[in-house]
Amino acid sequence: FTSGLYVGVVGDLSYYWVCTALPTEVQILNELYATENAIGLIGRME
């Protein structure tokens, strides 16, 4: 708590919009972890 810093927001969150630009993508990495009998996943979302 230092003077001059913003420490909060008062507002109506119905006026704050969250949007996705692209569809969610999930890439399955079967071969990368095959020796460990595991599957890797990479997720991407904008």
ModelCIF file with pLDDT and N, C-alpha, C, O atoms, coordinates in Angstrom:
data_MODEL
#
_entry.id   MODEL 
#
_entity.id                         1 
_entity.type                       polymer 
_entity.pdbx_number_of_molecules   1 
#
_entity_poly.entity_id                      1 
_entity_poly.type                           'polypeptide(L)' 
_entity_poly.nstd_linkage                   no 
_entity_poly.nstd_monomer                   no 
_entity_poly.pdbx_seq_one_letter_code       FTSGLYVGVVGDLSYYWVCTALPTEVQILNELYATENAIGLIGRME 
_entity_poly.pdbx_seq_one_letter_code_can   FTSGLYVGVVGDLSYYWVCTALPTEVQILNELYATENAIGLIGRME 
_entity_poly.pdbx_strand_id                 A 
#
loop_
_entity_poly_seq.entity_id 
_entity_poly_seq.num 
_entity_poly_seq.mon_id 
_entity_poly_seq.hetero 
1 1  PHE n 
1 2  THR n 
1 3  SER n 
1 4  GLY n 
1 5  LEU n 
1 6  TYR n 
1 7  VAL n 
1 8  GLY n 
1 9  VAL n 
1 10 VAL n 
1 11 GLY n 
1 12 ASP n 
1 13 LEU n 
1 14 SER n 
1 15 TYR n 
1 16 TYR n 
1 17 TRP n 
1 18 VAL n 
1 19 CYS n 
1 20 THR n 
1 21 ALA n 
1 22 LEU n 
1 23 PRO n 
1 24 THR n 
1 25 GLU n 
1 26 VAL n 
1 27 GLN n 
1 28 ILE n 
1 29 LEU n 
1 30 ASN n 
1 31 GLU n 
1 32 LEU n 
1 33 TYR n 
1 34 ALA n 
1 35 THR n 
1 36 GLU n 
1 37 ASN n 
1 38 ALA n 
1 39 ILE n 
1 40 GLY n 
1 41 LEU n 
1 42 ILE n 
1 43 GLY n 
1 44 ARG n 
1 45 MET n 
1 46 GLU n 
#
_struct_asym.id          A 
_struct_asym.entity_id   1 
#
loop_
_ma_qa_metric.id 
_ma_qa_metric.mode 
_ma_qa_metric.name 
_ma_qa_metric.software_group_id 
_ma_qa_metric.type 
1 global pLDDT . pLDDT 
2 local  pLDDT . pLDDT 
#
_ma_qa_metric_global.metric_id      1 
_ma_qa_metric_global.metric_value   88.76 
_ma_qa_metric_global.model_id       1 
_ma_qa_metric_global.ordinal_id     1 
#
loop_
_ma_qa_metric_local.label_asym_id 
_ma_qa_metric_local.label_comp_id 
_ma_qa_metric_local.label_seq_id 
_ma_qa_metric_local.metric_id 
_ma_qa_metric_local.metric_value 
_ma_qa_metric_local.model_id 
_ma_qa_metric_local.ordinal_id 
A PHE 1  2 78.00 1 1  
A THR 2  2 80.00 1 2  
A SER 3  2 84.00 1 3  
A GLY 4  2 85.00 1 4  
A LEU 5  2 84.00 1 5  
A TYR 6  2 85.00 1 6  
A VAL 7  2 83.00 1 7  
A GLY 8  2 83.00 1 8  
A VAL 9  2 86.00 1 9  
A VAL 10 2 87.00 1 10 
A GLY 11 2 88.00 1 11 
A ASP 12 2 88.00 1 12 
A LEU 13 2 87.00 1 13 
A SER 14 2 91.00 1 14 
A TYR 15 2 94.00 1 15 
A TYR 16 2 93.00 1 16 
A TRP 17 2 94.00 1 17 
A VAL 18 2 93.00 1 18 
A CYS 19 2 91.00 1 19 
A THR 20 2 88.00 1 20 
A ALA 21 2 85.00 1 21 
A LEU 22 2 84.00 1 22 
A PRO 23 2 88.00 1 23 
A THR 24 2 90.00 1 24 
A GLU 25 2 93.00 1 25 
A VAL 26 2 95.00 1 26 
A GLN 27 2 94.00 1 27 
A ILE 28 2 93.00 1 28 
A LEU 29 2 90.00 1 29 
A ASN 30 2 86.00 1 30 
A GLU 31 2 88.00 1 31 
A LEU 32 2 85.00 1 32 
A TYR 33 2 85.00 1 33 
A ALA 34 2 84.00 1 34 
A THR 35 2 87.00 1 35 
A GLU 36 2 88.00 1 36 
A ASN 37 2 89.00 1 37 
A ALA 38 2 91.00 1 38 
A ILE 39 2 91.00 1 39 
A GLY 40 2 93.00 1 40 
A LEU 41 2 94.00 1 41 
A ILE 42 2 95.00 1 42 
A GLY 43 2 94.00 1 43 
A ARG 44 2 93.00 1 44 
A MET 45 2 93.00 1 45 
A GLU 46 2 93.00 1 46 
#
loop_
_atom_site.group_PDB 
_atom_site.id 
_atom_site.type_symbol 
_atom_site.label_atom_id 
_atom_site.label_alt_id 
_atom_site.label_comp_id 
_atom_site.label_asym_id 
_atom_site.label_entity_id 
_atom_site.label_seq_id 
_atom_site.pdbx_PDB_ins_code 
_atom_site.Cartn_x 
_atom_site.Cartn_y 
_atom_site.Cartn_z 
_atom_site.occupancy 
_atom_site.B_iso_or_equiv 
_atom_site.pdbx_formal_charge 
_atom_site.auth_seq_id 
_atom_site.auth_comp_id 
_atom_site.auth_asym_id 
_atom_site.auth_atom_id 
_atom_site.pdbx_PDB_model_num 
ATOM 1   N N  . PHE A 1 1  ? 0.839   -1.193  0.000   1.00 78.00 ? 1  PHE A N  1 
ATOM 2   C CA . PHE A 1 1  ? 0.000   0.000   0.000   1.00 78.00 ? 1  PHE A CA 1 
ATOM 3   C C  . PHE A 1 1  ? 0.875   1.244   0.000   1.00 78.00 ? 1  PHE A C  1 
ATOM 4   O O  . PHE A 1 1  ? 1.234   1.775   1.051   1.00 78.00 ? 1  PHE A O  1 
ATOM 5   N N  . THR A 1 2  ? 1.209   1.695   -1.200  1.00 80.00 ? 2  THR A N  1 
ATOM 6   C CA . THR A 1 2  ? 2.021   2.877   -1.398  1.00 80.00 ? 2  THR A CA 1 
ATOM 7   C C  . THR A 1 2  ? 1.146   3.951   -2.036  1.00 80.00 ? 2  THR A C  1 
ATOM 8   O O  . THR A 1 2  ? 0.338   3.643   -2.912  1.00 80.00 ? 2  THR A O  1 
ATOM 9   N N  . SER A 1 3  ? 1.291   5.178   -1.620  1.00 84.00 ? 3  SER A N  1 
ATOM 10  C CA . SER A 1 3  ? 0.458   6.236   -2.179  1.00 84.00 ? 3  SER A CA 1 
ATOM 11  C C  . SER A 1 3  ? 0.689   6.355   -3.682  1.00 84.00 ? 3  SER A C  1 
ATOM 12  O O  . SER A 1 3  ? 1.807   6.206   -4.177  1.00 84.00 ? 3  SER A O  1 
ATOM 13  N N  . GLY A 1 4  ? -0.391  6.625   -4.382  1.00 85.00 ? 4  GLY A N  1 
ATOM 14  C CA . GLY A 1 4  ? -0.318  6.775   -5.834  1.00 85.00 ? 4  GLY A CA 1 
ATOM 15  C C  . GLY A 1 4  ? -0.596  5.495   -6.602  1.00 85.00 ? 4  GLY A C  1 
ATOM 16  O O  . GLY A 1 4  ? -0.684  5.538   -7.830  1.00 85.00 ? 4  GLY A O  1 
ATOM 17  N N  . LEU A 1 5  ? -0.741  4.336   -5.920  1.00 84.00 ? 5  LEU A N  1 
ATOM 18  C CA . LEU A 1 5  ? -1.011  3.067   -6.604  1.00 84.00 ? 5  LEU A CA 1 
ATOM 19  C C  . LEU A 1 5  ? -2.508  2.801   -6.669  1.00 84.00 ? 5  LEU A C  1 
ATOM 20  O O  . LEU A 1 5  ? -3.255  3.158   -5.758  1.00 84.00 ? 5  LEU A O  1 
ATOM 21  N N  . TYR A 1 6  ? -2.938  2.168   -7.763  1.00 85.00 ? 6  TYR A N  1 
ATOM 22  C CA . TYR A 1 6  ? -4.321  1.713   -7.869  1.00 85.00 ? 6  TYR A CA 1 
ATOM 23  C C  . TYR A 1 6  ? -4.429  0.387   -7.128  1.00 85.00 ? 6  TYR A C  1 
ATOM 24  O O  . TYR A 1 6  ? -3.619  -0.515  -7.339  1.00 85.00 ? 6  TYR A O  1 
ATOM 25  N N  . VAL A 1 7  ? -5.430  0.270   -6.262  1.00 83.00 ? 7  VAL A N  1 
ATOM 26  C CA . VAL A 1 7  ? -5.569  -0.941  -5.450  1.00 83.00 ? 7  VAL A CA 1 
ATOM 27  C C  . VAL A 1 7  ? -6.916  -1.628  -5.629  1.00 83.00 ? 7  VAL A C  1 
ATOM 28  O O  . VAL A 1 7  ? -7.168  -2.651  -4.992  1.00 83.00 ? 7  VAL A O  1 
ATOM 29  N N  . GLY A 1 8  ? -7.763  -1.108  -6.455  1.00 83.00 ? 8  GLY A N  1 
ATOM 30  C CA . GLY A 1 8  ? -9.054  -1.739  -6.642  1.00 83.00 ? 8  GLY A CA 1 
ATOM 31  C C  . GLY A 1 8  ? -9.846  -1.119  -7.768  1.00 83.00 ? 8  GLY A C  1 
ATOM 32  O O  . GLY A 1 8  ? -9.481  -0.083  -8.325  1.00 83.00 ? 8  GLY A O  1 
ATOM 33  N N  . VAL A 1 9  ? -10.951 -1.788  -8.089  1.00 86.00 ? 9  VAL A N  1 
ATOM 34  C CA . VAL A 1 9  ? -11.875 -1.317  -9.123  1.00 86.00 ? 9  VAL A CA 1 
ATOM 35  C C  . VAL A 1 9  ? -13.284 -1.511  -8.589  1.00 86.00 ? 9  VAL A C  1 
ATOM 36  O O  . VAL A 1 9  ? -13.599 -2.553  -8.014  1.00 86.00 ? 9  VAL A O  1 
ATOM 37  N N  . VAL A 1 10 ? -14.121 -0.519  -8.777  1.00 87.00 ? 10 VAL A N  1 
ATOM 38  C CA . VAL A 1 10 ? -15.535 -0.628  -8.469  1.00 87.00 ? 10 VAL A CA 1 
ATOM 39  C C  . VAL A 1 10 ? -16.257 -0.559  -9.799  1.00 87.00 ? 10 VAL A C  1 
ATOM 40  O O  . VAL A 1 10 ? -16.044 0.363   -10.587 1.00 87.00 ? 10 VAL A O  1 
ATOM 41  N N  . GLY A 1 11 ? -17.117 -1.545  -10.045 1.00 88.00 ? 11 GLY A N  1 
ATOM 42  C CA . GLY A 1 11 ? -17.791 -1.501  -11.334 1.00 88.00 ? 11 GLY A CA 1 
ATOM 43  C C  . GLY A 1 11 ? -18.849 -2.575  -11.494 1.00 88.00 ? 11 GLY A C  1 
ATOM 44  O O  . GLY A 1 11 ? -19.020 -3.445  -10.640 1.00 88.00 ? 11 GLY A O  1 
ATOM 45  N N  . ASP A 1 12 ? -19.539 -2.494  -12.588 1.00 88.00 ? 12 ASP A N  1 
ATOM 46  C CA . ASP A 1 12 ? -20.571 -3.453  -12.971 1.00 88.00 ? 12 ASP A CA 1 
ATOM 47  C C  . ASP A 1 12 ? -19.970 -4.398  -13.999 1.00 88.00 ? 12 ASP A C  1 
ATOM 48  O O  . ASP A 1 12 ? -19.770 -4.018  -15.153 1.00 88.00 ? 12 ASP A O  1 
ATOM 49  N N  . LEU A 1 13 ? -19.679 -5.637  -13.581 1.00 87.00 ? 13 LEU A N  1 
ATOM 50  C CA . LEU A 1 13 ? -19.003 -6.581  -14.473 1.00 87.00 ? 13 LEU A CA 1 
ATOM 51  C C  . LEU A 1 13 ? -19.858 -7.033  -15.663 1.00 87.00 ? 13 LEU A C  1 
ATOM 52  O O  . LEU A 1 13 ? -19.349 -7.696  -16.567 1.00 87.00 ? 13 LEU A O  1 
ATOM 53  N N  . SER A 1 14 ? -21.140 -6.685  -15.675 1.00 91.00 ? 14 SER A N  1 
ATOM 54  C CA . SER A 1 14 ? -21.939 -7.015  -16.858 1.00 91.00 ? 14 SER A CA 1 
ATOM 55  C C  . SER A 1 14 ? -21.520 -6.161  -18.052 1.00 91.00 ? 14 SER A C  1 
ATOM 56  O O  . SER A 1 14 ? -21.870 -6.471  -19.191 1.00 91.00 ? 14 SER A O  1 
ATOM 57  N N  . TYR A 1 15 ? -20.765 -5.078  -17.794 1.00 94.00 ? 15 TYR A N  1 
ATOM 58  C CA . TYR A 1 15 ? -20.240 -4.237  -18.864 1.00 94.00 ? 15 TYR A CA 1 
ATOM 59  C C  . TYR A 1 15 ? -18.784 -4.556  -19.187 1.00 94.00 ? 15 TYR A C  1 
ATOM 60  O O  . TYR A 1 15 ? -18.094 -3.749  -19.810 1.00 94.00 ? 15 TYR A O  1 
ATOM 61  N N  . TYR A 1 16 ? -18.319 -5.718  -18.771 1.00 93.00 ? 16 TYR A N  1 
ATOM 62  C CA . TYR A 1 16 ? -16.979 -6.195  -19.123 1.00 93.00 ? 16 TYR A CA 1 
ATOM 63  C C  . TYR A 1 16 ? -17.161 -7.464  -19.931 1.00 93.00 ? 16 TYR A C  1 
ATOM 64  O O  . TYR A 1 16 ? -17.635 -8.473  -19.408 1.00 93.00 ? 16 TYR A O  1 
ATOM 65  N N  . TRP A 1 17 ? -16.795 -7.425  -21.179 1.00 94.00 ? 17 TRP A N  1 
ATOM 66  C CA . TRP A 1 17 ? -16.999 -8.569  -22.060 1.00 94.00 ? 17 TRP A CA 1 
ATOM 67  C C  . TRP A 1 17 ? -15.702 -9.347  -22.252 1.00 94.00 ? 17 TRP A C  1 
ATOM 68  O O  . TRP A 1 17 ? -14.623 -8.768  -22.378 1.00 94.00 ? 17 TRP A O  1 
ATOM 69  N N  . VAL A 1 18 ? -15.829 -10.655 -22.269 1.00 93.00 ? 18 VAL A N  1 
ATOM 70  C CA . VAL A 1 18 ? -14.721 -11.565 -22.563 1.00 93.00 ? 18 VAL A CA 1 
ATOM 71  C C  . VAL A 1 18 ? -15.077 -12.295 -23.845 1.00 93.00 ? 18 VAL A C  1 
ATOM 72  O O  . VAL A 1 18 ? -16.153 -12.883 -23.955 1.00 93.00 ? 18 VAL A O  1 
ATOM 73  N N  . CYS A 1 19 ? -14.170 -12.257 -24.817 1.00 91.00 ? 19 CYS A N  1 
ATOM 74  C CA . CYS A 1 19 ? -14.434 -12.857 -26.129 1.00 91.00 ? 19 CYS A CA 1 
ATOM 75  C C  . CYS A 1 19 ? -13.304 -13.799 -26.515 1.00 91.00 ? 19 CYS A C  1 
ATOM 76  O O  . CYS A 1 19 ? -12.146 -13.584 -26.159 1.00 91.00 ? 19 CYS A O  1 
ATOM 77  N N  . THR A 1 20 ? -13.663 -14.842 -27.247 1.00 88.00 ? 20 THR A N  1 
ATOM 78  C CA . THR A 1 20 ? -12.657 -15.737 -27.808 1.00 88.00 ? 20 THR A CA 1 
ATOM 79  C C  . THR A 1 20 ? -12.528 -15.434 -29.292 1.00 88.00 ? 20 THR A C  1 
ATOM 80  O O  . THR A 1 20 ? -13.530 -15.260 -29.985 1.00 88.00 ? 20 THR A O  1 
ATOM 81  N N  . ALA A 1 21 ? -11.299 -15.371 -29.779 1.00 85.00 ? 21 ALA A N  1 
ATOM 82  C CA . ALA A 1 21 ? -11.068 -15.011 -31.179 1.00 85.00 ? 21 ALA A CA 1 
ATOM 83  C C  . ALA A 1 21 ? -11.048 -16.238 -32.083 1.00 85.00 ? 21 ALA A C  1 
ATOM 84  O O  . ALA A 1 21 ? -11.530 -16.188 -33.214 1.00 85.00 ? 21 ALA A O  1 
ATOM 85  N N  . LEU A 1 22 ? -10.497 -17.323 -31.589 1.00 84.00 ? 22 LEU A N  1 
ATOM 86  C CA . LEU A 1 22 ? -10.382 -18.544 -32.373 1.00 84.00 ? 22 LEU A CA 1 
ATOM 87  C C  . LEU A 1 22 ? -10.937 -19.709 -31.566 1.00 84.00 ? 22 LEU A C  1 
ATOM 88  O O  . LEU A 1 22 ? -11.017 -19.626 -30.340 1.00 84.00 ? 22 LEU A O  1 
ATOM 89  N N  . PRO A 1 23 ? -11.320 -20.789 -32.232 1.00 88.00 ? 23 PRO A N  1 
ATOM 90  C CA . PRO A 1 23 ? -11.780 -21.955 -31.466 1.00 88.00 ? 23 PRO A CA 1 
ATOM 91  C C  . PRO A 1 23 ? -10.631 -22.569 -30.665 1.00 88.00 ? 23 PRO A C  1 
ATOM 92  O O  . PRO A 1 23 ? -9.463  -22.441 -31.033 1.00 88.00 ? 23 PRO A O  1 
ATOM 93  N N  . THR A 1 24 ? -10.978 -23.227 -29.583 1.00 90.00 ? 24 THR A N  1 
ATOM 94  C CA . THR A 1 24 ? -9.975  -23.887 -28.752 1.00 90.00 ? 24 THR A CA 1 
ATOM 95  C C  . THR A 1 24 ? -9.404  -25.080 -29.512 1.00 90.00 ? 24 THR A C  1 
ATOM 96  O O  . THR A 1 24 ? -10.144 -25.865 -30.105 1.00 90.00 ? 24 THR A O  1 
ATOM 97  N N  . GLU A 1 25 ? -8.078  -25.204 -29.486 1.00 93.00 ? 25 GLU A N  1 
ATOM 98  C CA . GLU A 1 25 ? -7.411  -26.313 -30.163 1.00 93.00 ? 25 GLU A CA 1 
ATOM 99  C C  . GLU A 1 25 ? -6.672  -27.156 -29.133 1.00 93.00 ? 25 GLU A C  1 
ATOM 100 O O  . GLU A 1 25 ? -6.051  -26.624 -28.213 1.00 93.00 ? 25 GLU A O  1 
ATOM 101 N N  . VAL A 1 26 ? -6.744  -28.480 -29.294 1.00 95.00 ? 26 VAL A N  1 
ATOM 102 C CA . VAL A 1 26 ? -5.991  -29.386 -28.442 1.00 95.00 ? 26 VAL A CA 1 
ATOM 103 C C  . VAL A 1 26 ? -5.182  -30.306 -29.351 1.00 95.00 ? 26 VAL A C  1 
ATOM 104 O O  . VAL A 1 26 ? -5.732  -30.962 -30.236 1.00 95.00 ? 26 VAL A O  1 
ATOM 105 N N  . GLN A 1 27 ? -3.885  -30.346 -29.126 1.00 94.00 ? 27 GLN A N  1 
ATOM 106 C CA . GLN A 1 27 ? -2.991  -31.205 -29.899 1.00 94.00 ? 27 GLN A CA 1 
ATOM 107 C C  . GLN A 1 27 ? -2.575  -32.372 -28.998 1.00 94.00 ? 27 GLN A C  1 
ATOM 108 O O  . GLN A 1 27 ? -2.143  -32.167 -27.863 1.00 94.00 ? 27 GLN A O  1 
ATOM 109 N N  . ILE A 1 28 ? -2.710  -33.600 -29.518 1.00 93.00 ? 28 ILE A N  1 
ATOM 110 C CA . ILE A 1 28 ? -2.359  -34.795 -28.763 1.00 93.00 ? 28 ILE A CA 1 
ATOM 111 C C  . ILE A 1 28 ? -0.976  -35.262 -29.196 1.00 93.00 ? 28 ILE A C  1 
ATOM 112 O O  . ILE A 1 28 ? -0.726  -35.463 -30.385 1.00 93.00 ? 28 ILE A O  1 
ATOM 113 N N  . LEU A 1 29 ? -0.083  -35.433 -28.233 1.00 90.00 ? 29 LEU A N  1 
ATOM 114 C CA . LEU A 1 29 ? 1.296   -35.838 -28.512 1.00 90.00 ? 29 LEU A CA 1 
ATOM 115 C C  . LEU A 1 29 ? 1.474   -37.312 -28.135 1.00 90.00 ? 29 LEU A C  1 
ATOM 116 O O  . LEU A 1 29 ? 1.975   -37.622 -27.054 1.00 90.00 ? 29 LEU A O  1 
ATOM 117 N N  . ASN A 1 30 ? 1.065   -38.217 -29.025 1.00 86.00 ? 30 ASN A N  1 
ATOM 118 C CA . ASN A 1 30 ? 1.157   -39.650 -28.747 1.00 86.00 ? 30 ASN A CA 1 
ATOM 119 C C  . ASN A 1 30 ? 2.600   -40.143 -28.700 1.00 86.00 ? 30 ASN A C  1 
ATOM 120 O O  . ASN A 1 30 ? 2.979   -40.866 -27.779 1.00 86.00 ? 30 ASN A O  1 
ATOM 121 N N  . GLU A 1 31 ? 3.397   -39.760 -29.679 1.00 88.00 ? 31 GLU A N  1 
ATOM 122 C CA . GLU A 1 31 ? 4.737   -40.318 -29.821 1.00 88.00 ? 31 GLU A CA 1 
ATOM 123 C C  . GLU A 1 31 ? 5.737   -39.757 -28.812 1.00 88.00 ? 31 GLU A C  1 
ATOM 124 O O  . GLU A 1 31 ? 6.667   -40.464 -28.422 1.00 88.00 ? 31 GLU A O  1 
ATOM 125 N N  . LEU A 1 32 ? 5.576   -38.535 -28.389 1.00 85.00 ? 32 LEU A N  1 
ATOM 126 C CA . LEU A 1 32 ? 6.557   -37.882 -27.534 1.00 85.00 ? 32 LEU A CA 1 
ATOM 127 C C  . LEU A 1 32 ? 6.761   -38.619 -26.212 1.00 85.00 ? 32 LEU A C  1 
ATOM 128 O O  . LEU A 1 32 ? 7.887   -38.716 -25.725 1.00 85.00 ? 32 LEU A O  1 
ATOM 129 N N  . TYR A 1 33 ? 5.702   -39.129 -25.639 1.00 85.00 ? 33 TYR A N  1 
ATOM 130 C CA . TYR A 1 33 ? 5.784   -39.808 -24.346 1.00 85.00 ? 33 TYR A CA 1 
ATOM 131 C C  . TYR A 1 33 ? 5.497   -41.307 -24.456 1.00 85.00 ? 33 TYR A C  1 
ATOM 132 O O  . TYR A 1 33 ? 5.102   -41.925 -23.467 1.00 85.00 ? 33 TYR A O  1 
ATOM 133 N N  . ALA A 1 34 ? 5.684   -41.897 -25.624 1.00 84.00 ? 34 ALA A N  1 
ATOM 134 C CA . ALA A 1 34 ? 5.376   -43.316 -25.845 1.00 84.00 ? 34 ALA A CA 1 
ATOM 135 C C  . ALA A 1 34 ? 6.213   -44.228 -24.958 1.00 84.00 ? 34 ALA A C  1 
ATOM 136 O O  . ALA A 1 34 ? 5.711   -45.253 -24.497 1.00 84.00 ? 34 ALA A O  1 
ATOM 137 N N  . THR A 1 35 ? 7.459   -43.892 -24.710 1.00 87.00 ? 35 THR A N  1 
ATOM 138 C CA . THR A 1 35 ? 8.312   -44.749 -23.882 1.00 87.00 ? 35 THR A CA 1 
ATOM 139 C C  . THR A 1 35 ? 7.869   -44.752 -22.413 1.00 87.00 ? 35 THR A C  1 
ATOM 140 O O  . THR A 1 35 ? 8.220   -45.662 -21.662 1.00 87.00 ? 35 THR A O  1 
ATOM 141 N N  . GLU A 1 36 ? 7.107   -43.744 -22.007 1.00 88.00 ? 36 GLU A N  1 
ATOM 142 C CA . GLU A 1 36 ? 6.617   -43.663 -20.629 1.00 88.00 ? 36 GLU A CA 1 
ATOM 143 C C  . GLU A 1 36 ? 5.166   -44.109 -20.516 1.00 88.00 ? 36 GLU A C  1 
ATOM 144 O O  . GLU A 1 36 ? 4.567   -44.003 -19.445 1.00 88.00 ? 36 GLU A O  1 
ATOM 145 N N  . ASN A 1 37 ? 4.588   -44.611 -21.620 1.00 89.00 ? 37 ASN A N  1 
ATOM 146 C CA . ASN A 1 37 ? 3.187   -45.039 -21.687 1.00 89.00 ? 37 ASN A CA 1 
ATOM 147 C C  . ASN A 1 37 ? 2.253   -43.898 -21.244 1.00 89.00 ? 37 ASN A C  1 
ATOM 148 O O  . ASN A 1 37 ? 1.325   -44.101 -20.461 1.00 89.00 ? 37 ASN A O  1 
ATOM 149 N N  . ALA A 1 38 ? 2.525   -42.707 -21.764 1.00 91.00 ? 38 ALA A N  1 
ATOM 150 C CA . ALA A 1 38 ? 1.731   -41.526 -21.419 1.00 91.00 ? 38 ALA A CA 1 
ATOM 151 C C  . ALA A 1 38 ? 1.397   -40.750 -22.689 1.00 91.00 ? 38 ALA A C  1 
ATOM 152 O O  . ALA A 1 38 ? 1.982   -40.982 -23.748 1.00 91.00 ? 38 ALA A O  1 
ATOM 153 N N  . ILE A 1 39 ? 0.458   -39.838 -22.567 1.00 91.00 ? 39 ILE A N  1 
ATOM 154 C CA . ILE A 1 39 ? 0.039   -38.980 -23.680 1.00 91.00 ? 39 ILE A CA 1 
ATOM 155 C C  . ILE A 1 39 ? 0.196   -37.532 -23.237 1.00 91.00 ? 39 ILE A C  1 
ATOM 156 O O  . ILE A 1 39 ? -0.204  -37.173 -22.129 1.00 91.00 ? 39 ILE A O  1 
ATOM 157 N N  . GLY A 1 40 ? 0.772   -36.706 -24.090 1.00 93.00 ? 40 GLY A N  1 
ATOM 158 C CA . GLY A 1 40 ? 0.896   -35.274 -23.808 1.00 93.00 ? 40 GLY A CA 1 
ATOM 159 C C  . GLY A 1 40 ? -0.182  -34.499 -24.529 1.00 93.00 ? 40 GLY A C  1 
ATOM 160 O O  . GLY A 1 40 ? -0.615  -34.888 -25.613 1.00 93.00 ? 40 GLY A O  1 
ATOM 161 N N  . LEU A 1 41 ? -0.611  -33.418 -23.938 1.00 94.00 ? 41 LEU A N  1 
ATOM 162 C CA . LEU A 1 41 ? -1.624  -32.560 -24.541 1.00 94.00 ? 41 LEU A CA 1 
ATOM 163 C C  . LEU A 1 41 ? -1.130  -31.112 -24.537 1.00 94.00 ? 41 LEU A C  1 
ATOM 164 O O  . LEU A 1 41 ? -0.541  -30.652 -23.558 1.00 94.00 ? 41 LEU A O  1 
ATOM 165 N N  . ILE A 1 42 ? -1.373  -30.408 -25.629 1.00 95.00 ? 42 ILE A N  1 
ATOM 166 C CA . ILE A 1 42 ? -1.102  -28.978 -25.718 1.00 95.00 ? 42 ILE A CA 1 
ATOM 167 C C  . ILE A 1 42 ? -2.417  -28.296 -26.083 1.00 95.00 ? 42 ILE A C  1 
ATOM 168 O O  . ILE A 1 42 ? -3.047  -28.644 -27.083 1.00 95.00 ? 42 ILE A O  1 
ATOM 169 N N  . GLY A 1 43 ? -2.824  -27.335 -25.278 1.00 94.00 ? 43 GLY A N  1 
ATOM 170 C CA . GLY A 1 43 ? -4.057  -26.603 -25.547 1.00 94.00 ? 43 GLY A CA 1 
ATOM 171 C C  . GLY A 1 43 ? -3.755  -25.171 -25.949 1.00 94.00 ? 43 GLY A C  1 
ATOM 172 O O  . GLY A 1 43 ? -2.843  -24.545 -25.409 1.00 94.00 ? 43 GLY A O  1 
ATOM 173 N N  . ARG A 1 44 ? -4.520  -24.659 -26.894 1.00 93.00 ? 44 ARG A N  1 
ATOM 174 C CA . ARG A 1 44 ? -4.360  -23.275 -27.342 1.00 93.00 ? 44 ARG A CA 1 
ATOM 175 C C  . ARG A 1 44 ? -5.734  -22.602 -27.406 1.00 93.00 ? 44 ARG A C  1 
ATOM 176 O O  . ARG A 1 44 ? -6.710  -23.171 -27.895 1.00 93.00 ? 44 ARG A O  1 
ATOM 177 N N  . MET A 1 45 ? -5.768  -21.378 -26.897 1.00 93.00 ? 45 MET A N  1 
ATOM 178 C CA . MET A 1 45 ? -7.014  -20.612 -26.926 1.00 93.00 ? 45 MET A CA 1 
ATOM 179 C C  . MET A 1 45 ? -6.657  -19.135 -26.910 1.00 93.00 ? 45 MET A C  1 
ATOM 180 O O  . MET A 1 45 ? -5.795  -18.717 -26.137 1.00 93.00 ? 45 MET A O  1 
ATOM 181 N N  . GLU A 1 46 ? -7.300  -18.347 -27.742 1.00 93.00 ? 46 GLU A N  1 
ATOM 182 C CA . GLU A 1 46 ? -7.053  -16.908 -27.784 1.00 93.00 ? 46 GLU A CA 1 
ATOM 183 C C  . GLU A 1 46 ? -8.256  -16.189 -27.193 1.00 93.00 ? 46 GLU A C  1 
ATOM 184 O O  . GLU A 1 46 ? -8.270  -14.960 -27.125 1.00 93.00 ? 46 GLU A O  1 
#
